[in-house]
N, C-alpha and C. Protein backbone atom coordinates (compact mmCIF):
# COMPACT_ATOMS: atom_id res chain seq x y z
N MET A 1 -33.54 19.29 -36.38
CA MET A 1 -34.75 19.75 -35.72
C MET A 1 -35.00 18.90 -34.47
N VAL A 2 -35.37 19.55 -33.39
CA VAL A 2 -35.74 18.84 -32.17
C VAL A 2 -37.13 19.28 -31.74
N GLY A 3 -37.75 18.48 -30.91
CA GLY A 3 -39.06 18.81 -30.40
C GLY A 3 -39.41 17.95 -29.21
N PHE A 4 -40.51 18.32 -28.59
CA PHE A 4 -41.04 17.53 -27.48
C PHE A 4 -41.97 16.47 -28.04
N SER A 5 -41.96 15.31 -27.42
CA SER A 5 -42.85 14.23 -27.82
C SER A 5 -43.59 13.73 -26.59
N ILE A 6 -44.92 13.62 -26.72
CA ILE A 6 -45.78 13.06 -25.68
C ILE A 6 -46.83 12.22 -26.38
N ASN A 7 -46.90 10.94 -26.01
CA ASN A 7 -47.92 10.05 -26.59
C ASN A 7 -47.99 10.16 -28.11
N ASP A 8 -46.87 10.13 -28.77
CA ASP A 8 -46.79 10.20 -30.23
C ASP A 8 -47.22 11.55 -30.81
N PHE A 9 -47.43 12.55 -29.97
CA PHE A 9 -47.68 13.90 -30.46
C PHE A 9 -46.35 14.65 -30.46
N TRP A 10 -46.14 15.45 -31.49
CA TRP A 10 -44.88 16.14 -31.71
C TRP A 10 -45.08 17.64 -31.61
N TYR A 11 -44.22 18.29 -30.84
CA TYR A 11 -44.25 19.74 -30.69
C TYR A 11 -42.88 20.27 -31.08
N GLU A 12 -42.80 20.85 -32.28
CA GLU A 12 -41.52 21.28 -32.84
C GLU A 12 -40.96 22.48 -32.08
N ILE A 13 -39.65 22.39 -31.82
CA ILE A 13 -38.95 23.47 -31.14
C ILE A 13 -38.09 24.25 -32.13
N GLY A 14 -37.17 23.56 -32.76
CA GLY A 14 -36.23 24.18 -33.69
C GLY A 14 -34.94 23.39 -33.68
N SER A 15 -33.83 24.07 -33.85
CA SER A 15 -32.54 23.38 -33.88
C SER A 15 -32.13 22.96 -32.47
N GLY A 16 -31.25 21.98 -32.42
CA GLY A 16 -30.70 21.56 -31.14
C GLY A 16 -29.93 22.69 -30.48
N ASP A 17 -29.25 23.51 -31.29
CA ASP A 17 -28.51 24.66 -30.75
C ASP A 17 -29.45 25.66 -30.08
N PHE A 18 -30.62 25.85 -30.67
CA PHE A 18 -31.61 26.76 -30.10
C PHE A 18 -32.05 26.27 -28.71
N LEU A 19 -32.36 24.98 -28.60
CA LEU A 19 -32.78 24.43 -27.31
C LEU A 19 -31.64 24.52 -26.31
N HIS A 20 -30.43 24.21 -26.75
CA HIS A 20 -29.27 24.31 -25.87
C HIS A 20 -29.09 25.75 -25.38
N ALA A 21 -29.37 26.72 -26.24
CA ALA A 21 -29.24 28.13 -25.86
C ALA A 21 -30.19 28.48 -24.72
N PHE A 22 -31.42 27.96 -24.78
CA PHE A 22 -32.36 28.22 -23.69
C PHE A 22 -31.78 27.73 -22.37
N PHE A 23 -31.34 26.47 -22.34
CA PHE A 23 -30.79 25.90 -21.12
C PHE A 23 -29.49 26.60 -20.71
N SER A 24 -28.70 27.03 -21.67
CA SER A 24 -27.47 27.78 -21.37
C SER A 24 -27.78 29.07 -20.64
N ASN A 25 -28.83 29.77 -21.07
CA ASN A 25 -29.20 31.03 -20.43
C ASN A 25 -29.72 30.81 -19.02
N VAL A 26 -30.45 29.73 -18.81
CA VAL A 26 -30.90 29.41 -17.45
C VAL A 26 -29.68 29.17 -16.56
N ALA A 27 -28.77 28.30 -17.02
CA ALA A 27 -27.59 27.97 -16.22
C ALA A 27 -26.71 29.20 -15.97
N TYR A 28 -26.51 30.01 -17.00
CA TYR A 28 -25.61 31.15 -16.90
C TYR A 28 -26.20 32.28 -16.06
N HIS A 29 -27.41 32.71 -16.40
CA HIS A 29 -28.00 33.88 -15.75
C HIS A 29 -28.66 33.57 -14.41
N LEU A 30 -29.32 32.43 -14.30
CA LEU A 30 -30.13 32.16 -13.11
C LEU A 30 -29.49 31.19 -12.13
N GLU A 31 -28.54 30.40 -12.61
CA GLU A 31 -27.88 29.44 -11.72
C GLU A 31 -26.39 29.73 -11.58
N LYS A 32 -25.95 30.85 -12.10
CA LYS A 32 -24.56 31.30 -12.01
C LYS A 32 -23.56 30.21 -12.42
N GLY A 33 -23.93 29.47 -13.46
CA GLY A 33 -23.05 28.44 -14.00
C GLY A 33 -23.10 27.11 -13.29
N ASN A 34 -23.88 27.00 -12.24
CA ASN A 34 -23.99 25.76 -11.47
C ASN A 34 -25.27 25.04 -11.90
N ARG A 35 -25.21 24.38 -13.05
CA ARG A 35 -26.37 23.75 -13.69
C ARG A 35 -27.12 22.84 -12.72
N GLY A 36 -28.43 23.10 -12.62
CA GLY A 36 -29.30 22.27 -11.80
C GLY A 36 -29.39 22.69 -10.35
N SER A 37 -28.67 23.74 -9.97
CA SER A 37 -28.67 24.15 -8.56
C SER A 37 -29.99 24.75 -8.12
N ARG A 38 -30.69 25.42 -9.02
CA ARG A 38 -31.98 26.03 -8.67
C ARG A 38 -33.15 25.37 -9.37
N PHE A 39 -32.90 24.81 -10.53
CA PHE A 39 -33.97 24.22 -11.34
C PHE A 39 -33.57 22.78 -11.71
N PRO A 40 -33.51 21.91 -10.71
CA PRO A 40 -32.95 20.56 -10.94
C PRO A 40 -33.75 19.69 -11.90
N ILE A 41 -35.04 19.81 -11.91
CA ILE A 41 -35.83 18.94 -12.78
C ILE A 41 -35.63 19.34 -14.24
N LEU A 42 -35.76 20.61 -14.53
CA LEU A 42 -35.57 21.06 -15.91
C LEU A 42 -34.12 20.88 -16.37
N MET A 43 -33.19 21.26 -15.53
CA MET A 43 -31.80 21.30 -15.95
C MET A 43 -31.11 19.94 -15.90
N ASN A 44 -31.57 19.04 -15.05
CA ASN A 44 -30.93 17.73 -14.94
C ASN A 44 -31.71 16.62 -15.62
N GLU A 45 -33.01 16.76 -15.70
CA GLU A 45 -33.82 15.68 -16.28
C GLU A 45 -34.32 16.03 -17.68
N VAL A 46 -35.04 17.12 -17.82
CA VAL A 46 -35.54 17.49 -19.14
C VAL A 46 -34.36 17.73 -20.09
N TYR A 47 -33.34 18.40 -19.62
CA TYR A 47 -32.17 18.67 -20.47
C TYR A 47 -31.55 17.38 -21.01
N GLN A 48 -31.65 16.31 -20.24
CA GLN A 48 -31.11 15.02 -20.67
C GLN A 48 -32.06 14.30 -21.63
N GLY A 49 -33.25 14.86 -21.86
CA GLY A 49 -34.14 14.34 -22.89
C GLY A 49 -35.35 13.58 -22.41
N LYS A 50 -35.53 13.44 -21.09
CA LYS A 50 -36.68 12.68 -20.60
C LYS A 50 -37.20 13.28 -19.31
N LEU A 51 -38.52 13.20 -19.16
CA LEU A 51 -39.14 13.60 -17.90
C LEU A 51 -40.31 12.68 -17.62
N ASN A 52 -40.29 12.06 -16.45
CA ASN A 52 -41.42 11.25 -16.02
C ASN A 52 -42.58 12.16 -15.69
N PHE A 53 -43.78 11.75 -16.10
CA PHE A 53 -44.96 12.60 -15.90
C PHE A 53 -45.17 12.97 -14.44
N SER A 54 -44.70 12.15 -13.51
CA SER A 54 -44.91 12.42 -12.09
C SER A 54 -44.20 13.69 -11.63
N LYS A 55 -43.24 14.17 -12.42
CA LYS A 55 -42.51 15.39 -12.07
C LYS A 55 -42.89 16.58 -12.94
N ALA A 56 -43.89 16.41 -13.80
CA ALA A 56 -44.26 17.47 -14.74
C ALA A 56 -44.73 18.73 -14.04
N SER A 57 -45.53 18.60 -12.99
CA SER A 57 -46.02 19.81 -12.31
C SER A 57 -44.89 20.54 -11.60
N LEU A 58 -43.92 19.81 -11.07
CA LEU A 58 -42.76 20.45 -10.45
C LEU A 58 -41.92 21.16 -11.51
N ALA A 59 -41.76 20.52 -12.66
CA ALA A 59 -41.02 21.14 -13.76
C ALA A 59 -41.74 22.40 -14.25
N LEU A 60 -43.05 22.36 -14.30
CA LEU A 60 -43.83 23.53 -14.71
C LEU A 60 -43.61 24.69 -13.74
N ASN A 61 -43.57 24.40 -12.46
CA ASN A 61 -43.31 25.43 -11.46
C ASN A 61 -41.92 26.05 -11.68
N GLU A 62 -40.93 25.20 -11.95
CA GLU A 62 -39.59 25.72 -12.23
C GLU A 62 -39.61 26.62 -13.46
N LEU A 63 -40.29 26.18 -14.51
CA LEU A 63 -40.35 26.95 -15.75
C LEU A 63 -41.04 28.30 -15.55
N GLU A 64 -42.10 28.33 -14.77
CA GLU A 64 -42.78 29.60 -14.49
C GLU A 64 -41.86 30.56 -13.75
N ASN A 65 -41.04 30.03 -12.84
CA ASN A 65 -40.07 30.88 -12.14
C ASN A 65 -39.00 31.40 -13.10
N ILE A 66 -38.54 30.54 -13.99
CA ILE A 66 -37.57 30.97 -15.00
C ILE A 66 -38.16 32.09 -15.85
N GLN A 67 -39.39 31.91 -16.29
CA GLN A 67 -40.04 32.92 -17.13
C GLN A 67 -40.09 34.27 -16.41
N LYS A 68 -40.45 34.25 -15.13
CA LYS A 68 -40.51 35.50 -14.35
C LYS A 68 -39.13 36.14 -14.24
N GLU A 69 -38.14 35.34 -13.92
CA GLU A 69 -36.79 35.88 -13.71
C GLU A 69 -36.14 36.34 -15.02
N PHE A 70 -36.47 35.69 -16.13
CA PHE A 70 -35.93 36.11 -17.43
C PHE A 70 -36.40 37.52 -17.81
N LYS A 71 -37.46 38.01 -17.21
CA LYS A 71 -37.94 39.37 -17.49
C LYS A 71 -36.90 40.42 -17.08
N ASN A 72 -35.97 40.03 -16.22
CA ASN A 72 -34.94 40.95 -15.73
C ASN A 72 -33.72 41.04 -16.65
N PHE A 73 -33.73 40.32 -17.76
CA PHE A 73 -32.59 40.30 -18.66
C PHE A 73 -32.99 40.78 -20.05
N THR A 74 -32.20 41.70 -20.58
CA THR A 74 -32.50 42.27 -21.90
C THR A 74 -32.06 41.30 -23.01
N PRO A 75 -32.59 41.48 -24.21
CA PRO A 75 -32.15 40.64 -25.33
C PRO A 75 -30.64 40.71 -25.58
N LYS A 76 -30.02 41.83 -25.26
CA LYS A 76 -28.57 41.96 -25.45
C LYS A 76 -27.78 41.05 -24.52
N GLN A 77 -28.43 40.53 -23.48
CA GLN A 77 -27.76 39.65 -22.53
C GLN A 77 -27.85 38.17 -22.92
N ILE A 78 -28.39 37.90 -24.09
CA ILE A 78 -28.52 36.52 -24.55
C ILE A 78 -27.13 35.89 -24.70
N ILE A 79 -27.03 34.64 -24.35
CA ILE A 79 -25.83 33.87 -24.68
C ILE A 79 -26.29 32.70 -25.54
N TRP A 80 -25.46 32.27 -26.45
CA TRP A 80 -25.85 31.18 -27.34
C TRP A 80 -25.37 29.83 -26.82
N ASP A 81 -24.25 29.84 -26.10
CA ASP A 81 -23.69 28.58 -25.63
C ASP A 81 -22.85 28.84 -24.39
N ILE A 82 -23.24 28.26 -23.28
CA ILE A 82 -22.54 28.50 -22.02
C ILE A 82 -21.10 27.99 -22.08
N GLU A 83 -20.83 27.01 -22.94
CA GLU A 83 -19.47 26.49 -23.07
C GLU A 83 -18.58 27.38 -23.95
N ASN A 84 -19.20 28.27 -24.73
CA ASN A 84 -18.45 29.17 -25.60
C ASN A 84 -19.19 30.50 -25.66
N LEU A 85 -18.89 31.37 -24.72
CA LEU A 85 -19.62 32.63 -24.58
C LEU A 85 -19.39 33.59 -25.74
N SER A 86 -18.41 33.32 -26.59
CA SER A 86 -18.17 34.20 -27.74
C SER A 86 -19.15 33.93 -28.88
N LEU A 87 -19.84 32.80 -28.85
CA LEU A 87 -20.81 32.48 -29.91
C LEU A 87 -22.04 33.38 -29.81
N MET A 88 -22.56 33.74 -30.96
CA MET A 88 -23.77 34.57 -31.03
C MET A 88 -24.87 33.79 -31.75
N PRO A 89 -26.14 34.15 -31.50
CA PRO A 89 -27.22 33.52 -32.27
C PRO A 89 -27.00 33.76 -33.76
N PRO A 90 -27.46 32.84 -34.60
CA PRO A 90 -27.27 33.00 -36.05
C PRO A 90 -27.82 34.32 -36.59
N TRP A 91 -28.84 34.87 -35.95
CA TRP A 91 -29.46 36.11 -36.42
C TRP A 91 -28.83 37.34 -35.79
N GLY A 92 -27.84 37.15 -34.92
CA GLY A 92 -27.14 38.27 -34.29
C GLY A 92 -28.09 39.14 -33.48
N ASP A 93 -28.03 40.45 -33.72
CA ASP A 93 -28.91 41.40 -33.02
C ASP A 93 -30.17 41.70 -33.81
N ASN A 94 -30.37 41.05 -34.92
CA ASN A 94 -31.51 41.30 -35.80
C ASN A 94 -32.74 40.55 -35.28
N ILE A 95 -33.41 41.15 -34.28
CA ILE A 95 -34.57 40.51 -33.67
C ILE A 95 -35.79 41.43 -33.74
N SER A 96 -36.94 40.85 -33.59
CA SER A 96 -38.20 41.60 -33.63
C SER A 96 -38.26 42.59 -32.46
N SER A 97 -38.90 43.71 -32.69
CA SER A 97 -39.11 44.69 -31.62
C SER A 97 -40.08 44.17 -30.56
N ASP A 98 -40.79 43.08 -30.88
CA ASP A 98 -41.69 42.46 -29.90
C ASP A 98 -40.92 41.75 -28.79
N ILE A 99 -39.66 41.45 -29.04
CA ILE A 99 -38.84 40.77 -28.04
C ILE A 99 -38.26 41.83 -27.13
N THR A 100 -38.70 41.80 -25.87
CA THR A 100 -38.33 42.84 -24.93
C THR A 100 -37.38 42.37 -23.84
N ASP A 101 -37.32 41.07 -23.62
CA ASP A 101 -36.46 40.51 -22.59
C ASP A 101 -36.30 39.01 -22.86
N LEU A 102 -35.55 38.32 -22.01
CA LEU A 102 -35.31 36.90 -22.27
C LEU A 102 -36.54 36.03 -22.04
N SER A 103 -37.56 36.54 -21.38
CA SER A 103 -38.78 35.74 -21.17
C SER A 103 -39.55 35.53 -22.47
N ASN A 104 -39.35 36.41 -23.44
CA ASN A 104 -40.04 36.24 -24.73
C ASN A 104 -39.05 36.21 -25.90
N TYR A 105 -37.79 36.00 -25.59
CA TYR A 105 -36.75 35.96 -26.63
C TYR A 105 -36.82 34.69 -27.48
N PHE A 106 -37.13 33.58 -26.84
CA PHE A 106 -37.05 32.28 -27.50
C PHE A 106 -38.34 31.98 -28.26
N VAL A 107 -38.21 31.92 -29.58
CA VAL A 107 -39.35 31.68 -30.47
C VAL A 107 -39.04 30.44 -31.29
N THR A 108 -39.98 29.50 -31.32
CA THR A 108 -39.76 28.24 -32.03
C THR A 108 -39.68 28.45 -33.54
N SER A 109 -39.26 27.42 -34.24
CA SER A 109 -39.17 27.50 -35.70
C SER A 109 -40.54 27.71 -36.34
N ASN A 110 -41.62 27.42 -35.59
CA ASN A 110 -42.98 27.65 -36.08
C ASN A 110 -43.51 29.02 -35.69
N GLY A 111 -42.70 29.83 -35.02
CA GLY A 111 -43.11 31.17 -34.63
C GLY A 111 -43.84 31.25 -33.30
N ASN A 112 -43.79 30.18 -32.51
CA ASN A 112 -44.46 30.18 -31.21
C ASN A 112 -43.49 30.57 -30.10
N ASP A 113 -44.02 31.16 -29.05
CA ASP A 113 -43.23 31.47 -27.87
C ASP A 113 -42.79 30.14 -27.25
N PHE A 114 -41.48 29.92 -27.17
CA PHE A 114 -40.96 28.64 -26.69
C PHE A 114 -41.40 28.35 -25.26
N ILE A 115 -41.30 29.32 -24.36
CA ILE A 115 -41.65 29.06 -22.97
C ILE A 115 -43.13 28.72 -22.84
N GLU A 116 -43.99 29.40 -23.59
CA GLU A 116 -45.42 29.08 -23.54
C GLU A 116 -45.67 27.67 -24.09
N LEU A 117 -44.98 27.30 -25.16
CA LEU A 117 -45.11 25.94 -25.68
C LEU A 117 -44.62 24.92 -24.65
N PHE A 118 -43.51 25.19 -24.03
CA PHE A 118 -42.93 24.30 -23.02
C PHE A 118 -43.92 24.13 -21.86
N LYS A 119 -44.54 25.22 -21.42
CA LYS A 119 -45.54 25.14 -20.35
C LYS A 119 -46.71 24.27 -20.76
N LYS A 120 -47.19 24.45 -21.98
CA LYS A 120 -48.31 23.66 -22.50
C LYS A 120 -47.97 22.17 -22.51
N VAL A 121 -46.77 21.85 -22.94
CA VAL A 121 -46.33 20.45 -23.02
C VAL A 121 -46.22 19.85 -21.61
N LEU A 122 -45.70 20.60 -20.67
CA LEU A 122 -45.61 20.10 -19.29
C LEU A 122 -46.99 19.89 -18.68
N GLN A 123 -47.92 20.81 -18.96
CA GLN A 123 -49.29 20.64 -18.48
C GLN A 123 -49.93 19.40 -19.09
N LEU A 124 -49.68 19.18 -20.37
CA LEU A 124 -50.21 18.01 -21.05
C LEU A 124 -49.64 16.72 -20.45
N ALA A 125 -48.35 16.70 -20.20
CA ALA A 125 -47.72 15.52 -19.60
C ALA A 125 -48.35 15.22 -18.25
N ASP A 126 -48.59 16.26 -17.46
CA ASP A 126 -49.21 16.08 -16.15
C ASP A 126 -50.65 15.60 -16.28
N ASN A 127 -51.43 16.25 -17.12
CA ASN A 127 -52.85 15.90 -17.28
C ASN A 127 -53.05 14.51 -17.86
N GLU A 128 -52.23 14.15 -18.84
CA GLU A 128 -52.38 12.87 -19.54
C GLU A 128 -51.60 11.74 -18.87
N LYS A 129 -50.84 12.08 -17.83
CA LYS A 129 -49.98 11.08 -17.16
C LYS A 129 -49.08 10.40 -18.20
N ALA A 130 -48.44 11.23 -19.02
CA ALA A 130 -47.60 10.74 -20.11
C ALA A 130 -46.20 11.34 -19.98
N ASN A 131 -45.20 10.53 -20.20
CA ASN A 131 -43.82 10.99 -20.12
C ASN A 131 -43.49 11.91 -21.29
N LEU A 132 -42.61 12.84 -21.04
CA LEU A 132 -42.15 13.78 -22.05
C LEU A 132 -40.75 13.36 -22.48
N THR A 133 -40.50 13.41 -23.77
CA THR A 133 -39.15 13.18 -24.28
C THR A 133 -38.81 14.28 -25.28
N ILE A 134 -37.52 14.52 -25.41
CA ILE A 134 -37.02 15.42 -26.44
C ILE A 134 -36.45 14.52 -27.52
N LYS A 135 -36.91 14.72 -28.74
CA LYS A 135 -36.47 13.89 -29.86
C LYS A 135 -35.98 14.78 -30.99
N SER A 136 -35.12 14.21 -31.79
CA SER A 136 -34.67 14.93 -32.98
C SER A 136 -35.08 14.16 -34.22
N PHE A 137 -35.23 14.87 -35.30
CA PHE A 137 -35.54 14.22 -36.58
C PHE A 137 -34.80 14.92 -37.70
């Protein structure tokens, strides 16, 4: 299990593979395989597990752009791992009818919209002047 941590508060995401899948889809669909070319803060800093609070608002802007652009991709266009495009999500094509595109495809292990949770955490990091880390347990 992985999650975001800010000031000893924990926001559960899910498996490490799930989080990697989100970043894989950004790199594959929106950056054409050139990781960090369009979304350098999220793809180069957050992906590595840390973000200084001073960049949280810039990261939030990147995430909002990703969310908008993901609306152009259907659930069938999901990739699970950019390094192995033959891999499929553990649930295959068995997804809720509420999932209409990649902007709402990613749902945390707690049933929350991952992008909305990510936005909330980035806003919190900015407001509280607290660094964000990705931790596993």
